[in-house]
PDB file of N, CA and C in Angstrom:
ATOM      1  N   UNK A   1     -72.758 -36.093 209.686  1.00  0.00           N
ATOM      2  CA  UNK A   1     -72.398 -36.613 210.994  1.00  0.00           C
ATOM      3  C   UNK A   1     -71.604 -37.927 210.861  1.00  0.00           C
ATOM      4  N   UNK A   2     -72.026 -38.765 209.915  1.00  0.00           N
ATOM      5  CA  UNK A   2     -71.366 -40.055 209.723  1.00  0.00           C
ATOM      6  C   UNK A   2     -69.912 -39.869 209.302  1.00  0.00           C
ATOM      7  N   UNK A   3     -69.661 -38.922 208.406  1.00  0.00           N
ATOM      8  CA  UNK A   3     -68.284 -38.698 207.952  1.00  0.00           C
ATOM      9  C   UNK A   3     -67.429 -38.111 209.069  1.00  0.00           C
ATOM     10  N   UNK A   4     -68.015 -37.273 209.894  1.00  0.00           N
ATOM     11  CA  UNK A   4     -67.269 -36.692 211.016  1.00  0.00           C
ATOM     12  C   UNK A   4     -66.839 -37.798 211.977  1.00  0.00           C
ATOM     13  N   UNK A   5     -67.761 -38.700 212.289  1.00  0.00           N
ATOM     14  CA  UNK A   5     -67.417 -39.816 213.176  1.00  0.00           C
ATOM     15  C   UNK A   5     -66.331 -40.688 212.565  1.00  0.00           C
ATOM     16  N   UNK A   6     -66.426 -40.932 211.273  1.00  0.00           N
ATOM     17  CA  UNK A   6     -65.401 -41.760 210.631  1.00  0.00           C
ATOM     18  C   UNK A   6     -64.043 -41.077 210.679  1.00  0.00           C
ATOM     19  N   UNK A   7     -64.012 -39.776 210.488  1.00  0.00           N
ATOM     20  CA  UNK A   7     -62.745 -39.042 210.551  1.00  0.00           C
ATOM     21  C   UNK A   7     -62.180 -39.080 211.967  1.00  0.00           C
ATOM     22  N   UNK A   8     -63.030 -38.939 212.968  1.00  0.00           N
ATOM     23  CA  UNK A   8     -62.578 -38.998 214.365  1.00  0.00           C
ATOM     24  C   UNK A   8     -61.954 -40.363 214.657  1.00  0.00           C
ATOM     25  N   UNK A   9     -62.619 -41.431 214.219  1.00  0.00           N
ATOM     26  CA  UNK A   9     -62.077 -42.767 214.444  1.00  0.00           C
ATOM     27  C   UNK A   9     -60.812 -42.992 213.621  1.00  0.00           C
ATOM     28  N   UNK A  10     -60.732 -42.401 212.445  1.00  0.00           N
ATOM     29  CA  UNK A  10     -59.527 -42.493 211.630  1.00  0.00           C
ATOM     30  C   UNK A  10     -58.356 -41.801 212.327  1.00  0.00           C
ATOM     31  N   UNK A  11     -58.600 -40.634 212.897  1.00  0.00           N
ATOM     32  CA  UNK A  11     -57.552 -39.905 213.622  1.00  0.00           C
ATOM     33  C   UNK A  11     -57.072 -40.733 214.816  1.00  0.00           C
ATOM     34  N   UNK A  12     -57.995 -41.336 215.543  1.00  0.00           N
ATOM     35  CA  UNK A  12     -57.602 -42.191 216.672  1.00  0.00           C
ATOM     36  C   UNK A  12     -56.746 -43.360 216.198  1.00  0.00           C
ATOM     37  N   UNK A  13     -57.127 -43.939 215.082  1.00  0.00           N
ATOM     38  CA  UNK A  13     -56.356 -45.042 214.524  1.00  0.00           C
ATOM     39  C   UNK A  13     -54.949 -44.606 214.123  1.00  0.00           C
ATOM     40  N   UNK A  14     -54.850 -43.460 213.500  1.00  0.00           N
ATOM     41  CA  UNK A  14     -53.540 -42.945 213.083  1.00  0.00           C
ATOM     42  C   UNK A  14     -52.679 -42.633 214.301  1.00  0.00           C
ATOM     43  N   UNK A  15     -53.270 -42.076 215.343  1.00  0.00           N
ATOM     44  CA  UNK A  15     -52.511 -41.761 216.563  1.00  0.00           C
ATOM     45  C   UNK A  15     -51.976 -43.043 217.195  1.00  0.00           C
ATOM     46  N   UNK A  16     -52.783 -44.086 217.227  1.00  0.00           N
ATOM     47  CA  UNK A  16     -52.323 -45.364 217.788  1.00  0.00           C
ATOM     48  C   UNK A  16     -51.189 -45.956 216.957  1.00  0.00           C
ATOM     49  N   UNK A  17     -51.327 -45.905 215.646  1.00  0.00           N
ATOM     50  CA  UNK A  17     -50.266 -46.435 214.786  1.00  0.00           C
ATOM     51  C   UNK A  17     -48.991 -45.608 214.924  1.00  0.00           C
ATOM     52  N   UNK A  18     -49.137 -44.297 214.975  1.00  0.00           N
ATOM     53  CA  UNK A  18     -47.974 -43.429 215.152  1.00  0.00           C
ATOM     54  C   UNK A  18     -47.333 -43.650 216.516  1.00  0.00           C
ATOM     55  N   UNK A  19     -48.159 -43.838 217.547  1.00  0.00           N
ATOM     56  CA  UNK A  19     -47.631 -44.130 218.876  1.00  0.00           C
ATOM     57  C   UNK A  19     -46.832 -45.419 218.902  1.00  0.00           C
ATOM     58  N   UNK A  20     -47.338 -46.455 218.222  1.00  0.00           N
ATOM     59  CA  UNK A  20     -46.602 -47.722 218.143  1.00  0.00           C
ATOM     60  C   UNK A  20     -45.269 -47.523 217.434  1.00  0.00           C
ATOM     61  N   UNK A  21     -45.268 -46.721 216.384  1.00  0.00           N
ATOM     62  CA  UNK A  21     -44.021 -46.434 215.674  1.00  0.00           C
ATOM     63  C   UNK A  21     -43.044 -45.692 216.575  1.00  0.00           C
ATOM     64  N   UNK A  22     -43.538 -44.722 217.338  1.00  0.00           N
ATOM     65  CA  UNK A  22     -42.656 -43.948 218.216  1.00  0.00           C
ATOM     66  C   UNK A  22     -42.062 -44.812 219.325  1.00  0.00           C
ATOM     67  N   UNK A  23     -42.838 -45.766 219.823  1.00  0.00           N
ATOM     68  CA  UNK A  23     -42.302 -46.679 220.831  1.00  0.00           C
ATOM     69  C   UNK A  23     -41.236 -47.571 220.198  1.00  0.00           C
ATOM     70  N   UNK A  24     -41.489 -48.043 218.993  1.00  0.00           N
ATOM     71  CA  UNK A  24     -40.523 -48.900 218.310  1.00  0.00           C
ATOM     72  C   UNK A  24     -39.239 -48.140 217.968  1.00  0.00           C
ATOM     73  N   UNK A  25     -39.370 -46.850 217.699  1.00  0.00           N
ATOM     74  CA  UNK A  25     -38.205 -46.034 217.321  1.00  0.00           C
ATOM     75  C   UNK A  25     -37.688 -45.215 218.493  1.00  0.00           C
ATOM     76  N   UNK A  26     -37.919 -45.677 219.692  1.00  0.00           N
ATOM     77  CA  UNK A  26     -37.586 -44.887 220.881  1.00  0.00           C
ATOM     78  C   UNK A  26     -36.105 -44.531 220.978  1.00  0.00           C
ATOM     79  N   UNK A  27     -35.235 -45.339 220.413  1.00  0.00           N
ATOM     80  CA  UNK A  27     -33.802 -45.028 220.456  1.00  0.00           C
ATOM     81  C   UNK A  27     -33.447 -43.890 219.518  1.00  0.00           C
ATOM     82  N   UNK A  28     -34.263 -43.667 218.509  1.00  0.00           N
ATOM     83  CA  UNK A  28     -33.989 -42.637 217.514  1.00  0.00           C
ATOM     84  C   UNK A  28     -34.881 -41.412 217.650  1.00  0.00           C
ATOM     85  N   UNK A  29     -35.806 -41.434 218.604  1.00  0.00           N
ATOM     86  CA  UNK A  29     -36.747 -40.332 218.794  1.00  0.00           C
ATOM     87  C   UNK A  29     -36.598 -39.814 220.216  1.00  0.00           C
ATOM     88  N   UNK A  30     -36.533 -38.510 220.356  1.00  0.00           N
ATOM     89  CA  UNK A  30     -36.403 -37.905 221.681  1.00  0.00           C
ATOM     90  C   UNK A  30     -37.710 -38.051 222.455  1.00  0.00           C
ATOM     91  N   UNK A  31     -37.676 -38.759 223.551  1.00  0.00           N
ATOM     92  CA  UNK A  31     -38.863 -38.937 224.375  1.00  0.00           C
ATOM     93  C   UNK A  31     -39.223 -37.670 225.148  1.00  0.00           C
ATOM     94  N   UNK A  32     -38.334 -36.662 225.135  1.00  0.00           N
ATOM     95  CA  UNK A  32     -38.596 -35.396 225.812  1.00  0.00           C
ATOM     96  C   UNK A  32     -39.344 -34.408 224.920  1.00  0.00           C
ATOM     97  N   UNK A  33     -39.504 -34.743 223.657  1.00  0.00           N
ATOM     98  CA  UNK A  33     -40.205 -33.885 222.710  1.00  0.00           C
ATOM     99  C   UNK A  33     -41.673 -33.797 223.101  1.00  0.00           C
ATOM    100  N   UNK A  34     -42.233 -32.590 223.083  1.00  0.00           N
ATOM    101  CA  UNK A  34     -43.623 -32.378 223.496  1.00  0.00           C
ATOM    102  C   UNK A  34     -44.602 -33.096 222.575  1.00  0.00           C
ATOM    103  N   UNK A  35     -44.323 -33.119 221.281  1.00  0.00           N
ATOM    104  CA  UNK A  35     -45.218 -33.788 220.338  1.00  0.00           C
ATOM    105  C   UNK A  35     -45.210 -35.301 220.551  1.00  0.00           C
ATOM    106  N   UNK A  36     -44.045 -35.864 220.809  1.00  0.00           N
ATOM    107  CA  UNK A  36     -43.940 -37.299 221.082  1.00  0.00           C
ATOM    108  C   UNK A  36     -44.705 -37.636 222.355  1.00  0.00           C
ATOM    109  N   UNK A  37     -44.529 -36.828 223.390  1.00  0.00           N
ATOM    110  CA  UNK A  37     -45.259 -37.056 224.646  1.00  0.00           C
ATOM    111  C   UNK A  37     -46.758 -36.971 224.427  1.00  0.00           C
ATOM    112  N   UNK A  38     -47.206 -35.983 223.636  1.00  0.00           N
ATOM    113  CA  UNK A  38     -48.632 -35.821 223.364  1.00  0.00           C
ATOM    114  C   UNK A  38     -49.195 -37.050 222.655  1.00  0.00           C
ATOM    115  N   UNK A  39     -48.505 -37.522 221.622  1.00  0.00           N
ATOM    116  CA  UNK A  39     -48.982 -38.686 220.868  1.00  0.00           C
ATOM    117  C   UNK A  39     -49.041 -39.911 221.766  1.00  0.00           C
ATOM    118  N   UNK A  40     -48.001 -40.153 222.557  1.00  0.00           N
ATOM    119  CA  UNK A  40     -47.984 -41.327 223.432  1.00  0.00           C
ATOM    120  C   UNK A  40     -49.051 -41.226 224.528  1.00  0.00           C
ATOM    121  N   UNK A  41     -49.232 -40.037 225.093  1.00  0.00           N
ATOM    122  CA  UNK A  41     -50.267 -39.864 226.119  1.00  0.00           C
ATOM    123  C   UNK A  41     -51.662 -40.034 225.528  1.00  0.00           C
ATOM    124  N   UNK A  42     -51.877 -39.484 224.333  1.00  0.00           N
ATOM    125  CA  UNK A  42     -53.178 -39.609 223.677  1.00  0.00           C
ATOM    126  C   UNK A  42     -53.459 -41.072 223.327  1.00  0.00           C
ATOM    127  N   UNK A  43     -52.458 -41.768 222.812  1.00  0.00           N
ATOM    128  CA  UNK A  43     -52.620 -43.185 222.485  1.00  0.00           C
ATOM    129  C   UNK A  43     -52.899 -44.006 223.749  1.00  0.00           C
ATOM    130  N   UNK A  44     -52.205 -43.684 224.838  1.00  0.00           N
ATOM    131  CA  UNK A  44     -52.473 -44.373 226.103  1.00  0.00           C
ATOM    132  C   UNK A  44     -53.904 -44.128 226.579  1.00  0.00           C
ATOM    133  N   UNK A  45     -54.431 -42.941 226.323  1.00  0.00           N
ATOM    134  CA  UNK A  45     -55.777 -42.589 226.775  1.00  0.00           C
ATOM    135  C   UNK A  45     -56.873 -43.304 225.988  1.00  0.00           C
ATOM    136  N   UNK A  46     -56.620 -43.621 224.719  1.00  0.00           N
ATOM    137  CA  UNK A  46     -57.678 -44.196 223.886  1.00  0.00           C
ATOM    138  C   UNK A  46     -57.490 -45.685 223.594  1.00  0.00           C
ATOM    139  N   UNK A  47     -56.484 -46.317 224.168  1.00  0.00           N
ATOM    140  CA  UNK A  47     -56.193 -47.698 223.792  1.00  0.00           C
ATOM    141  C   UNK A  47     -57.142 -48.730 224.376  1.00  0.00           C
ATOM    142  N   UNK A  48     -57.882 -48.396 225.428  1.00  0.00           N
ATOM    143  CA  UNK A  48     -58.862 -49.319 226.000  1.00  0.00           C
ATOM    144  C   UNK A  48     -58.236 -50.623 226.448  1.00  0.00           C
ATOM    145  N   UNK A  49     -58.819 -51.759 226.034  1.00  0.00           N
ATOM    146  CA  UNK A  49     -58.269 -53.054 226.462  1.00  0.00           C
ATOM    147  C   UNK A  49     -56.975 -53.434 225.748  1.00  0.00           C
ATOM    148  N   UNK A  50     -56.546 -52.598 224.802  1.00  0.00           N
ATOM    149  CA  UNK A  50     -55.333 -52.882 224.036  1.00  0.00           C
ATOM    150  C   UNK A  50     -54.160 -52.045 224.543  1.00  0.00           C
ATOM    151  N   UNK A  51     -54.058 -51.915 225.837  1.00  0.00           N
ATOM    152  CA  UNK A  51     -53.014 -51.110 226.455  1.00  0.00           C
ATOM    153  C   UNK A  51     -51.639 -51.702 226.182  1.00  0.00           C
ATOM    154  N   UNK A  52     -50.675 -50.822 226.026  1.00  0.00           N
ATOM    155  CA  UNK A  52     -49.315 -51.326 225.791  1.00  0.00           C
ATOM    156  C   UNK A  52     -48.680 -51.826 227.082  1.00  0.00           C
ATOM    157  N   UNK A  53     -49.197 -51.430 228.235  1.00  0.00           N
ATOM    158  CA  UNK A  53     -48.618 -51.835 229.512  1.00  0.00           C
ATOM    159  C   UNK A  53     -49.366 -53.002 230.150  1.00  0.00           C
ATOM    160  N   UNK A  54     -50.642 -53.128 229.859  1.00  0.00           N
ATOM    161  CA  UNK A  54     -51.455 -54.183 230.449  1.00  0.00           C
ATOM    162  C   UNK A  54     -52.538 -54.576 229.455  1.00  0.00           C
ATOM    163  N   UNK A  55     -52.137 -54.928 228.256  1.00  0.00           N
ATOM    164  CA  UNK A  55     -53.088 -55.202 227.192  1.00  0.00           C
ATOM    165  C   UNK A  55     -53.442 -56.664 227.067  1.00  0.00           C
ATOM    166  N   UNK A  56     -54.110 -56.965 225.998  1.00  0.00           N
ATOM    167  CA  UNK A  56     -54.532 -58.326 225.721  1.00  0.00           C
ATOM    168  C   UNK A  56     -53.321 -59.235 225.518  1.00  0.00           C
ATOM    169  N   UNK A  57     -52.337 -58.724 224.795  1.00  0.00           N
ATOM    170  CA  UNK A  57     -51.112 -59.487 224.570  1.00  0.00           C
ATOM    171  C   UNK A  57     -49.988 -58.880 225.399  1.00  0.00           C
ATOM    172  N   UNK A  58     -49.284 -59.725 226.123  1.00  0.00           N
ATOM    173  CA  UNK A  58     -48.135 -59.271 226.902  1.00  0.00           C
ATOM    174  C   UNK A  58     -46.929 -60.125 226.531  1.00  0.00           C
ATOM    175  N   UNK A  59     -45.864 -59.463 226.148  1.00  0.00           N
ATOM    176  CA  UNK A  59     -44.642 -60.146 225.763  1.00  0.00           C
ATOM    177  C   UNK A  59     -43.612 -60.013 226.887  1.00  0.00           C
ATOM    178  N   UNK A  60     -42.683 -60.924 226.915  1.00  0.00           N
ATOM    179  CA  UNK A  60     -41.624 -60.908 227.915  1.00  0.00           C
ATOM    180  C   UNK A  60     -40.299 -61.058 227.207  1.00  0.00           C
ATOM    181  N   UNK A  61     -39.264 -60.589 227.834  1.00  0.00           N
ATOM    182  CA  UNK A  61     -37.932 -60.735 227.265  1.00  0.00           C
ATOM    183  C   UNK A  61     -37.480 -59.498 226.522  1.00  0.00           C
ATOM    184  N   UNK A  62     -36.587 -59.732 225.596  1.00  0.00           N
ATOM    185  CA  UNK A  62     -35.982 -58.623 224.850  1.00  0.00           C
ATOM    186  C   UNK A  62     -37.032 -57.937 223.973  1.00  0.00           C
ATOM    187  N   UNK A  63     -37.024 -56.612 224.003  1.00  0.00           N
ATOM    188  CA  UNK A  63     -37.932 -55.775 223.212  1.00  0.00           C
ATOM    189  C   UNK A  63     -39.402 -56.002 223.540  1.00  0.00           C
ATOM    190  N   UNK A  64     -39.710 -56.421 224.746  1.00  0.00           N
ATOM    191  CA  UNK A  64     -41.098 -56.688 225.134  1.00  0.00           C
ATOM    192  C   UNK A  64     -41.944 -55.432 225.060  1.00  0.00           C
ATOM    193  N   UNK A  65     -41.398 -54.287 225.472  1.00  0.00           N
ATOM    194  CA  UNK A  65     -42.146 -53.034 225.443  1.00  0.00           C
ATOM    195  C   UNK A  65     -42.544 -52.671 224.021  1.00  0.00           C
ATOM    196  N   UNK A  66     -41.627 -52.828 223.101  1.00  0.00           N
ATOM    197  CA  UNK A  66     -41.904 -52.524 221.701  1.00  0.00           C
ATOM    198  C   UNK A  66     -42.943 -53.483 221.140  1.00  0.00           C
ATOM    199  N   UNK A  67     -42.801 -54.749 221.423  1.00  0.00           N
ATOM    200  CA  UNK A  67     -43.755 -55.744 220.934  1.00  0.00           C
ATOM    201  C   UNK A  67     -45.139 -55.497 221.500  1.00  0.00           C
ATOM    202  N   UNK A  68     -45.225 -55.166 222.802  1.00  0.00           N
ATOM    203  CA  UNK A  68     -46.518 -54.859 223.415  1.00  0.00           C
ATOM    204  C   UNK A  68     -47.199 -53.701 222.707  1.00  0.00           C
ATOM    205  N   UNK A  69     -46.461 -52.631 222.461  1.00  0.00           N
ATOM    206  CA  UNK A  69     -47.040 -51.448 221.824  1.00  0.00           C
ATOM    207  C   UNK A  69     -47.454 -51.734 220.390  1.00  0.00           C
ATOM    208  N   UNK A  70     -46.586 -52.386 219.631  1.00  0.00           N
ATOM    209  CA  UNK A  70     -46.879 -52.626 218.210  1.00  0.00           C
ATOM    210  C   UNK A  70     -48.082 -53.555 218.046  1.00  0.00           C
ATOM    211  N   UNK A  71     -48.119 -54.634 218.792  1.00  0.00           N
ATOM    212  CA  UNK A  71     -49.219 -55.595 218.640  1.00  0.00           C
ATOM    213  C   UNK A  71     -50.524 -55.032 219.200  1.00  0.00           C
ATOM    214  N   UNK A  72     -50.504 -54.564 220.442  1.00  0.00           N
ATOM    215  CA  UNK A  72     -51.749 -54.094 221.057  1.00  0.00           C
ATOM    216  C   UNK A  72     -52.281 -52.829 220.384  1.00  0.00           C
ATOM    217  N   UNK A  73     -51.421 -51.858 220.150  1.00  0.00           N
ATOM    218  CA  UNK A  73     -51.882 -50.634 219.500  1.00  0.00           C
ATOM    219  C   UNK A  73     -52.197 -50.866 218.030  1.00  0.00           C
ATOM    220  N   UNK A  74     -51.520 -51.804 217.388  1.00  0.00           N
ATOM    221  CA  UNK A  74     -51.849 -52.142 216.005  1.00  0.00           C
ATOM    222  C   UNK A  74     -53.248 -52.726 215.900  1.00  0.00           C
ATOM    223  N   UNK A  75     -53.571 -53.627 216.811  1.00  0.00           N
ATOM    224  CA  UNK A  75     -54.918 -54.206 216.827  1.00  0.00           C
ATOM    225  C   UNK A  75     -55.944 -53.126 217.156  1.00  0.00           C
ATOM    226  N   UNK A  76     -55.629 -52.267 218.118  1.00  0.00           N
ATOM    227  CA  UNK A  76     -56.552 -51.184 218.473  1.00  0.00           C
ATOM    228  C   UNK A  76     -56.787 -50.248 217.289  1.00  0.00           C
ATOM    229  N   UNK A  77     -55.754 -49.968 216.516  1.00  0.00           N
ATOM    230  CA  UNK A  77     -55.906 -49.102 215.340  1.00  0.00           C
ATOM    231  C   UNK A  77     -56.853 -49.741 214.331  1.00  0.00           C
ATOM    232  N   UNK A  78     -56.721 -51.035 214.115  1.00  0.00           N
ATOM    233  CA  UNK A  78     -57.616 -51.735 213.189  1.00  0.00           C
ATOM    234  C   UNK A  78     -59.043 -51.735 213.713  1.00  0.00           C
ATOM    235  N   UNK A  79     -59.203 -51.928 215.016  1.00  0.00           N
ATOM    236  CA  UNK A  79     -60.536 -51.905 215.619  1.00  0.00           C
ATOM    237  C   UNK A  79     -61.168 -50.527 215.460  1.00  0.00           C
ATOM    238  N   UNK A  80     -60.402 -49.466 215.682  1.00  0.00           N
ATOM    239  CA  UNK A  80     -60.934 -48.117 215.499  1.00  0.00           C
ATOM    240  C   UNK A  80     -61.368 -47.886 214.050  1.00  0.00           C
ATOM    241  N   UNK A  81     -60.588 -48.357 213.097  1.00  0.00           N
ATOM    242  CA  UNK A  81     -60.973 -48.213 211.689  1.00  0.00           C
ATOM    243  C   UNK A  81     -62.274 -48.958 211.402  1.00  0.00           C
ATOM    244  N   UNK A  82     -62.400 -50.170 211.922  1.00  0.00           N
ATOM    245  CA  UNK A  82     -63.600 -50.971 211.691  1.00  0.00           C
ATOM    246  C   UNK A  82     -64.828 -50.338 212.332  1.00  0.00           C
ATOM    247  N   UNK A  83     -64.677 -49.850 213.549  1.00  0.00           N
ATOM    248  CA  UNK A  83     -65.810 -49.215 214.231  1.00  0.00           C
ATOM    249  C   UNK A  83     -66.231 -47.947 213.492  1.00  0.00           C
ATOM    250  N   UNK A  84     -65.269 -47.156 213.055  1.00  0.00           N
ATOM    251  CA  UNK A  84     -65.591 -45.943 212.311  1.00  0.00           C
ATOM    252  C   UNK A  84     -66.347 -46.243 211.031  1.00  0.00           C
ATOM    253  N   UNK A  85     -65.898 -47.255 210.312  1.00  0.00           N
ATOM    254  CA  UNK A  85     -66.588 -47.632 209.071  1.00  0.00           C
ATOM    255  C   UNK A  85     -67.979 -48.181 209.366  1.00  0.00           C
ATOM    256  N   UNK A  86     -68.109 -48.981 210.404  1.00  0.00           N
ATOM    257  CA  UNK A  86     -69.403 -49.543 210.792  1.00  0.00           C
ATOM    258  C   UNK A  86     -70.388 -48.435 211.167  1.00  0.00           C
ATOM    259  N   UNK A  87     -69.928 -47.481 211.969  1.00  0.00           N
ATOM    260  CA  UNK A  87     -70.809 -46.378 212.360  1.00  0.00           C
ATOM    261  C   UNK A  87     -71.215 -45.528 211.161  1.00  0.00           C
ATOM    262  N   UNK A  88     -70.299 -45.336 210.238  1.00  0.00           N
ATOM    263  CA  UNK A  88     -70.637 -44.571 209.050  1.00  0.00           C
ATOM    264  C   UNK A  88     -71.721 -45.289 208.241  1.00  0.00           C
ATOM    265  N   UNK A  89     -71.608 -46.584 208.114  1.00  0.00           N
ATOM    266  CA  UNK A  89     -72.620 -47.339 207.357  1.00  0.00           C
ATOM    267  C   UNK A  89     -73.979 -47.344 208.063  1.00  0.00           C
ATOM    268  N   UNK A  90     -73.968 -47.350 209.373  1.00  0.00           N
ATOM    269  CA  UNK A  90     -75.238 -47.324 210.112  1.00  0.00           C
ATOM    270  C   UNK A  90     -75.897 -45.956 209.974  1.00  0.00           C
ATOM    271  N   UNK A  91     -75.118 -44.902 210.136  1.00  0.00           N
ATOM    272  CA  UNK A  91     -75.672 -43.549 210.128  1.00  0.00           C
ATOM    273  C   UNK A  91     -75.976 -43.028 208.729  1.00  0.00           C
ATOM    274  N   UNK A  92     -75.269 -43.506 207.732  1.00  0.00           N
ATOM    275  CA  UNK A  92     -75.486 -43.033 206.364  1.00  0.00           C
ATOM    276  C   UNK A  92     -75.526 -44.223 205.415  1.00  0.00           C
ATOM    277  N   UNK A  93     -76.608 -45.001 205.454  1.00  0.00           N
ATOM    278  CA  UNK A  93     -76.671 -46.161 204.569  1.00  0.00           C
ATOM    279  C   UNK A  93     -76.774 -45.728 203.100  1.00  0.00           C
ATOM    280  N   UNK A  94     -76.280 -46.597 202.242  1.00  0.00           N
ATOM    281  CA  UNK A  94     -76.352 -46.297 200.800  1.00  0.00           C
ATOM    282  C   UNK A  94     -77.777 -46.453 200.327  1.00  0.00           C
ATOM    283  N   UNK A  95     -78.165 -45.595 199.414  1.00  0.00           N
ATOM    284  CA  UNK A  95     -79.518 -45.678 198.880  1.00  0.00           C
ATOM    285  C   UNK A  95     -79.606 -46.790 197.843  1.00  0.00           C
ATOM    286  N   UNK A  96     -80.741 -47.433 197.787  1.00  0.00           N
ATOM    287  CA  UNK A  96     -80.963 -48.528 196.836  1.00  0.00           C
ATOM    288  C   UNK A  96     -81.597 -47.950 195.587  1.00  0.00           C
ATOM    289  N   UNK A  97     -81.056 -48.304 194.423  1.00  0.00           N
ATOM    290  CA  UNK A  97     -81.579 -47.785 193.151  1.00  0.00           C
ATOM    291  C   UNK A  97     -82.714 -48.568 192.653  1.00  0.00           C
TER     292      UNK A  97
END
Protein backbone atom coordinates (compact mmCIF):
# COMPACT_ATOMS: atom_id res chain seq x y z
CA UNK A 1 0.00 0.00 0.00
CA UNK A 2 2.85 2.38 0.87
CA UNK A 3 4.52 1.94 -2.52
CA UNK A 4 1.22 2.45 -4.34
CA UNK A 5 0.67 5.74 -2.53
CA UNK A 6 4.20 6.85 -3.32
CA UNK A 7 3.71 6.04 -7.00
CA UNK A 8 0.42 7.97 -7.05
CA UNK A 9 2.11 11.02 -5.52
CA UNK A 10 5.04 10.60 -7.93
CA UNK A 11 2.64 10.60 -10.90
CA UNK A 12 0.98 13.77 -9.58
CA UNK A 13 4.38 15.38 -9.23
CA UNK A 14 5.38 14.43 -12.76
CA UNK A 15 2.08 15.76 -14.15
CA UNK A 16 2.63 19.10 -12.41
CA UNK A 17 6.19 19.36 -13.70
CA UNK A 18 5.10 18.39 -17.21
CA UNK A 19 2.25 20.91 -17.03
CA UNK A 20 4.70 23.66 -16.06
CA UNK A 21 6.89 22.69 -19.01
CA UNK A 22 3.92 22.75 -21.39
CA UNK A 23 2.92 26.22 -20.20
CA UNK A 24 6.49 27.43 -20.64
CA UNK A 25 6.65 25.91 -24.14
CA UNK A 26 3.20 27.11 -25.16
CA UNK A 27 4.52 28.76 -28.33
CA UNK A 28 5.99 25.46 -29.50
CA UNK A 29 3.23 23.12 -28.30
CA UNK A 30 -0.26 22.92 -29.77
CA UNK A 31 -2.73 23.87 -27.05
CA UNK A 32 -5.46 22.10 -29.07
CA UNK A 33 -3.80 18.71 -28.57
CA UNK A 34 -5.94 16.41 -26.41
CA UNK A 35 -2.96 15.14 -24.41
CA UNK A 36 -1.78 18.68 -23.66
CA UNK A 37 -5.29 19.66 -22.55
CA UNK A 38 -5.51 16.55 -20.35
CA UNK A 39 -2.17 17.26 -18.64
CA UNK A 40 -3.01 20.93 -18.05
CA UNK A 41 -6.52 20.13 -16.78
CA UNK A 42 -5.19 17.38 -14.49
CA UNK A 43 -2.47 19.68 -13.15
CA UNK A 44 -5.06 22.41 -12.55
CA UNK A 45 -7.20 19.90 -10.64
CA UNK A 46 -4.43 18.77 -8.26
CA UNK A 47 -2.48 21.99 -7.72
CA UNK A 48 -4.32 23.04 -4.53
CA UNK A 49 -2.95 26.29 -3.09
CA UNK A 50 -0.23 26.32 -5.75
CA UNK A 51 -2.56 27.29 -8.58
CA UNK A 52 -1.01 28.84 -11.65
CA UNK A 53 -3.86 31.37 -11.87
CA UNK A 54 -4.32 32.25 -8.20
CA UNK A 55 -1.43 30.63 -6.37
CA UNK A 56 0.87 31.53 -3.56
CA UNK A 57 3.18 33.40 -5.92
CA UNK A 58 1.76 35.77 -8.50
CA UNK A 59 3.95 37.47 -11.07
CA UNK A 60 3.13 40.50 -13.19
CA UNK A 61 4.48 41.76 -16.45
CA UNK A 62 6.12 39.92 -19.28
CA UNK A 63 5.84 36.11 -19.14
CA UNK A 64 3.83 36.26 -15.91
CA UNK A 65 1.72 33.24 -16.90
CA UNK A 66 4.80 31.13 -17.48
CA UNK A 67 6.44 32.26 -14.25
CA UNK A 68 3.25 31.56 -12.28
CA UNK A 69 3.02 28.02 -13.65
CA UNK A 70 6.71 27.17 -13.28
CA UNK A 71 7.08 28.48 -9.73
CA UNK A 72 3.73 27.40 -8.27
CA UNK A 73 3.55 24.03 -10.00
CA UNK A 74 7.25 23.42 -9.35
CA UNK A 75 6.71 23.92 -5.63
CA UNK A 76 3.58 21.76 -5.76
CA UNK A 77 5.55 18.98 -7.48
CA UNK A 78 8.16 19.06 -4.72
CA UNK A 79 5.44 19.03 -2.06
CA UNK A 80 3.80 16.00 -3.69
CA UNK A 81 7.14 14.17 -3.72
CA UNK A 82 7.72 14.98 -0.04
CA UNK A 83 4.23 13.92 1.01
CA UNK A 84 4.52 10.67 -0.93
CA UNK A 85 7.84 9.84 0.70
CA UNK A 86 6.52 10.80 4.15
CA UNK A 87 3.44 8.59 3.75
CA UNK A 88 5.57 5.71 2.57
CA UNK A 89 7.78 5.99 5.65
CA UNK A 90 4.77 6.12 7.96
CA UNK A 91 3.01 3.15 6.37
CA UNK A 92 6.10 1.00 5.83
CA UNK A 93 8.74 1.86 8.42
CA UNK A 94 12.15 0.25 8.10
CA UNK A 95 12.80 -2.62 10.43
CA UNK A 96 15.48 -2.21 13.09
CA UNK A 97 18.21 -4.86 13.12
